[in-house]
Amino acid sequence: MRFEELNWMDVEAYLQQEDRLMLITGATEQHGYLSLLTDIKIPLAMADAASQKTGVLVAPPLNFGCSPYFLAYPGTLSLRASTLMDVLEDLIRSAHQTGFRRMLVINGHGSNLPARVRLREVANTLPSLQLQWYDWWESHAVEAVAQKHNLKPEHANWLEAFAFTQVCELPQEPKIPPYVPAITNAAQTRQLYGDGSFGGPYQADPAIMQDLFNAALEDILQLLQFEGFPPPSSSGDTP
């Protein structure tokens, strides 16, 4: 269930029974042969699947993240880290003001992590707010699927090549990962990575991808229970 399917009165009715919300963060950036919105499509699909099982509402995704190192690839649209932190804080505070108290951020992009630090600061000012943050590709369950099949997760390789992120035919032969210095600018990054994949197989068997998706979905369902948190309250919050 997404915001786009509801009007404000529907959300008000939802909040009379439920205070949970899923927010999607990711990026619009190069992903080799995959969609430029791969980092949004994956967590959004997971959120939709979780919503179907739980009825928890899914907010519109924040389609842009921090991708300065990919700006030499056309189609990459990047926010400054400070901008991302401000935008996500504003969204969280807006949702909280209207009555959402338990929020799960499902993140699809590694360089969005500065926003996670900002949200810790927000949580200090809103005691009634309960926040969870989930980087799906770093999940132990997802890692276990990769290890079971002797596959190494990397940017724009098999890890992200779901049927719904593929926009063209993928190369059949794996790519040898390049040697990359610790920090590169956008031009150097494109020179080093070429097609944009960080190396390894470009795709995996659909059954493996389904196992991967299911592993992440189970994580999300568990996080939506907000176990270990005290019951939400409205006392002590500051604007």
Protein backbone atom coordinates (compact mmCIF):
# COMPACT_ATOMS: atom_id res chain seq x y z
CA MET A 1 0.00 0.00 0.00
CA ARG A 2 1.54 3.25 -1.17
CA PHE A 3 0.75 6.93 -0.61
CA GLU A 4 -0.10 7.30 -4.30
CA GLU A 5 -3.04 4.92 -3.84
CA LEU A 6 -4.58 6.98 -1.01
CA ASN A 7 -5.92 10.43 -0.20
CA TRP A 8 -5.24 12.33 3.02
CA MET A 9 -8.42 11.02 4.64
CA ASP A 10 -7.30 7.45 3.98
CA VAL A 11 -4.01 8.17 5.74
CA GLU A 12 -5.84 9.74 8.66
CA ALA A 13 -7.96 6.58 8.97
CA TYR A 14 -4.80 4.45 8.73
CA LEU A 15 -3.21 6.39 11.57
CA GLN A 16 -6.14 5.66 13.84
CA GLN A 17 -5.14 1.99 13.76
CA GLU A 18 -1.44 1.98 12.79
CA ASP A 19 1.64 4.19 13.27
CA ARG A 20 4.24 2.38 11.14
CA LEU A 21 5.71 3.68 7.90
CA MET A 22 8.35 2.46 5.44
CA LEU A 23 10.57 5.02 3.71
CA ILE A 24 12.77 4.16 0.72
CA THR A 25 16.15 5.77 0.09
CA GLY A 26 18.51 5.00 -2.76
CA ALA A 27 20.06 6.80 -5.69
CA THR A 28 19.79 7.67 -9.36
CA GLU A 29 23.16 6.57 -10.64
CA GLN A 30 24.94 4.36 -13.13
CA HIS A 31 24.60 0.62 -12.55
CA GLY A 32 26.39 -0.72 -15.59
CA TYR A 33 23.82 -2.44 -17.80
CA LEU A 34 21.12 -2.19 -15.13
CA SER A 35 18.54 0.54 -14.54
CA LEU A 36 19.75 3.93 -13.33
CA LEU A 37 17.19 3.54 -10.54
CA THR A 38 18.38 0.12 -9.40
CA ASP A 39 19.06 1.44 -5.89
CA ILE A 40 15.42 2.52 -5.65
CA LYS A 41 13.73 -0.34 -7.49
CA ILE A 42 15.18 -3.03 -5.20
CA PRO A 43 14.24 -1.61 -1.77
CA LEU A 44 10.88 -0.42 -3.12
CA ALA A 45 10.04 -3.92 -4.37
CA MET A 46 10.98 -5.29 -0.95
CA ALA A 47 8.85 -2.69 0.80
CA ASP A 48 5.88 -3.46 -1.45
CA ALA A 49 6.24 -7.16 -0.67
CA ALA A 50 6.39 -6.43 3.06
CA SER A 51 3.39 -4.13 2.79
CA GLN A 52 1.36 -6.87 1.14
CA LYS A 53 2.04 -9.11 4.13
CA THR A 54 1.62 -6.51 6.89
CA GLY A 55 -0.46 -3.63 5.55
CA VAL A 56 2.25 -1.14 6.58
CA LEU A 57 2.18 1.97 4.42
CA VAL A 58 5.03 2.78 2.00
CA ALA A 59 5.98 6.44 1.52
CA PRO A 60 7.06 7.74 -1.90
CA PRO A 61 10.74 6.89 -2.44
CA LEU A 62 13.49 9.48 -2.19
CA ASN A 63 14.93 8.82 -5.65
CA PHE A 64 18.21 10.69 -5.22
CA GLY A 65 21.23 10.01 -3.02
CA CYS A 66 24.94 10.77 -2.75
CA SER A 67 26.83 9.61 -5.86
CA PRO A 68 29.58 12.19 -6.58
CA TYR A 69 32.02 9.53 -7.80
CA PHE A 70 29.69 8.52 -10.66
CA LEU A 71 29.02 11.99 -12.07
CA ALA A 72 31.09 11.27 -15.19
CA TYR A 73 28.43 8.69 -16.15
CA PRO A 74 25.45 10.35 -17.87
CA GLY A 75 22.20 9.80 -15.99
CA THR A 76 23.72 10.02 -12.53
CA LEU A 77 22.00 12.71 -10.43
CA SER A 78 23.68 13.28 -7.08
CA LEU A 79 22.84 15.19 -3.92
CA ARG A 80 25.39 16.65 -1.54
CA ALA A 81 25.54 14.71 1.71
CA SER A 82 24.28 17.76 3.61
CA THR A 83 21.30 18.05 1.27
CA LEU A 84 20.39 14.39 1.68
CA MET A 85 20.61 14.65 5.46
CA ASP A 86 18.39 17.75 5.50
CA VAL A 87 15.80 16.24 3.17
CA LEU A 88 15.54 12.96 5.06
CA GLU A 89 15.31 14.77 8.38
CA ASP A 90 12.50 16.94 7.01
CA LEU A 91 10.62 13.87 5.75
CA ILE A 92 10.97 12.07 9.07
CA ARG A 93 9.83 15.11 11.03
CA SER A 94 6.88 15.66 8.67
CA ALA A 95 5.76 12.06 9.02
CA HIS A 96 6.16 12.22 12.79
CA GLN A 97 4.12 15.41 13.04
CA THR A 98 1.20 13.79 11.23
CA GLY A 99 1.19 10.80 13.57
CA PHE A 100 3.67 8.18 12.36
CA ARG A 101 5.76 6.93 15.27
CA ARG A 102 7.52 3.79 14.03
CA MET A 103 9.47 4.22 10.81
CA LEU A 104 11.70 1.84 8.88
CA VAL A 105 14.11 3.31 6.34
CA ILE A 106 14.96 0.72 3.69
CA ASN A 107 18.11 2.00 2.05
CA GLY A 108 19.41 0.90 -1.33
CA HIS A 109 22.63 2.91 -1.59
CA GLY A 110 25.78 2.67 0.52
CA SER A 111 26.85 6.30 0.27
CA ASN A 112 23.62 7.45 1.92
CA LEU A 113 25.00 6.45 5.31
CA PRO A 114 25.67 10.05 6.48
CA ALA A 115 21.88 10.40 6.70
CA ARG A 116 21.79 7.56 9.20
CA VAL A 117 23.99 9.59 11.56
CA ARG A 118 21.68 12.59 11.19
CA LEU A 119 18.69 10.45 12.06
CA ARG A 120 20.34 9.49 15.33
CA GLU A 121 20.37 13.19 16.16
CA VAL A 122 16.70 13.48 15.19
CA ALA A 123 15.84 10.53 17.42
CA ASN A 124 17.37 12.40 20.37
CA THR A 125 14.91 15.27 19.88
CA LEU A 126 11.83 13.07 19.31
CA PRO A 127 11.64 10.51 22.14
CA SER A 128 8.38 9.10 20.79
CA LEU A 129 10.01 8.28 17.45
CA GLN A 130 11.17 4.72 16.81
CA LEU A 131 13.54 4.36 13.85
CA GLN A 132 15.02 1.38 12.07
CA TRP A 133 17.51 1.51 9.18
CA TYR A 134 18.08 -1.42 6.83
CA ASP A 135 20.86 -1.76 4.22
CA TRP A 136 19.56 -4.87 2.46
CA TRP A 137 22.83 -5.87 0.74
CA GLU A 138 24.68 -5.95 4.08
CA SER A 139 22.21 -8.36 5.66
CA HIS A 140 23.69 -11.53 7.15
CA ALA A 141 20.88 -13.48 5.51
CA VAL A 142 21.68 -12.01 2.08
CA GLU A 143 25.38 -12.65 2.65
CA ALA A 144 24.60 -16.28 3.47
CA VAL A 145 22.83 -16.71 0.12
CA ALA A 146 25.85 -15.26 -1.70
CA GLN A 147 28.29 -17.48 0.18
CA LYS A 148 26.19 -20.57 -0.43
CA HIS A 149 26.59 -20.06 -4.17
CA ASN A 150 30.19 -18.79 -4.02
CA LEU A 151 29.20 -15.40 -5.40
CA LYS A 152 30.80 -12.11 -4.36
CA PRO A 153 28.42 -9.15 -4.08
CA GLU A 154 29.54 -5.98 -5.88
CA HIS A 155 28.04 -2.83 -7.33
CA ALA A 156 26.15 -3.44 -10.59
CA ASN A 157 26.97 -7.14 -10.75
CA TRP A 158 24.74 -10.18 -10.20
CA LEU A 159 23.73 -8.92 -6.73
CA GLU A 160 21.49 -6.25 -8.19
CA ALA A 161 20.47 -7.98 -11.42
CA PHE A 162 16.87 -8.78 -10.57
CA ALA A 163 14.44 -9.17 -13.45
CA PHE A 164 12.92 -5.77 -12.60
CA THR A 165 16.28 -3.93 -12.69
CA GLN A 166 17.40 -5.31 -16.05
CA VAL A 167 16.84 -2.96 -19.00
CA CYS A 168 18.93 -4.77 -21.64
CA GLU A 169 20.82 -7.99 -22.27
CA LEU A 170 23.61 -8.61 -19.76
CA PRO A 171 27.12 -9.83 -20.62
CA GLN A 172 27.58 -13.56 -20.18
CA GLU A 173 31.22 -13.54 -19.11
CA PRO A 174 32.22 -12.25 -15.67
CA LYS A 175 34.26 -9.08 -15.34
CA ILE A 176 37.69 -9.02 -13.69
CA PRO A 177 37.48 -6.47 -10.86
CA PRO A 178 39.84 -3.53 -11.43
CA TYR A 179 42.32 -2.30 -8.84
CA VAL A 180 40.94 0.92 -7.39
CA PRO A 181 42.71 3.46 -5.12
CA ALA A 182 40.92 4.42 -1.92
CA ILE A 183 39.52 7.73 -3.26
CA THR A 184 38.96 8.67 -6.89
CA ASN A 185 37.21 11.56 -8.58
CA ALA A 186 34.39 11.05 -11.07
CA ALA A 187 36.60 11.01 -14.18
CA GLN A 188 39.04 8.55 -12.62
CA THR A 189 36.17 6.33 -11.48
CA ARG A 190 34.79 6.04 -15.01
CA GLN A 191 38.26 5.32 -16.40
CA LEU A 192 38.81 2.57 -13.83
CA TYR A 193 35.41 0.86 -13.98
CA GLY A 194 34.56 1.30 -17.64
CA ASP A 195 31.04 -0.08 -18.00
CA GLY A 196 30.33 0.71 -14.32
CA SER A 197 30.23 -2.78 -12.85
CA PHE A 198 32.67 -3.41 -10.01
CA GLY A 199 33.36 -6.91 -11.30
CA GLY A 200 32.30 -10.53 -11.07
CA PRO A 201 29.35 -12.21 -12.80
CA TYR A 202 26.78 -9.86 -14.30
CA GLN A 203 23.88 -12.15 -13.46
CA ALA A 204 22.89 -15.18 -11.41
CA ASP A 205 20.25 -17.88 -11.70
CA PRO A 206 16.73 -16.50 -11.08
CA ALA A 207 16.26 -18.99 -8.25
CA ILE A 208 19.27 -17.51 -6.46
CA MET A 209 17.88 -14.01 -6.92
CA GLN A 210 14.55 -15.13 -5.48
CA ASP A 211 16.30 -16.61 -2.44
CA LEU A 212 18.17 -13.32 -2.04
CA PHE A 213 14.97 -11.30 -2.21
CA ASN A 214 13.18 -13.60 0.24
CA ALA A 215 16.07 -13.37 2.71
CA ALA A 216 15.89 -9.57 2.71
CA LEU A 217 12.10 -9.64 2.94
CA GLU A 218 12.24 -11.77 6.08
CA ASP A 219 14.63 -9.24 7.61
CA ILE A 220 12.22 -6.42 6.84
CA LEU A 221 9.25 -8.27 8.31
CA GLN A 222 11.25 -8.82 11.48
CA LEU A 223 12.32 -5.17 11.69
CA LEU A 224 8.73 -4.01 11.26
CA GLN A 225 7.91 -5.63 14.58
CA PHE A 226 10.12 -3.02 16.29
CA GLU A 227 11.07 -5.51 18.97
CA GLY A 228 13.12 -4.11 21.82
CA PHE A 229 11.55 -0.66 21.62
CA PRO A 230 9.30 0.72 24.37
CA PRO A 231 5.71 1.50 23.36
CA PRO A 232 5.48 4.76 21.35
CA SER A 233 4.47 7.84 23.33
CA SER A 234 3.98 11.50 22.52
CA SER A 235 5.60 13.01 25.59
CA GLY A 236 8.85 14.92 25.64
CA ASP A 237 9.12 15.67 21.91
CA THR A 238 10.57 18.97 20.72
CA PRO A 239 9.75 20.52 17.35
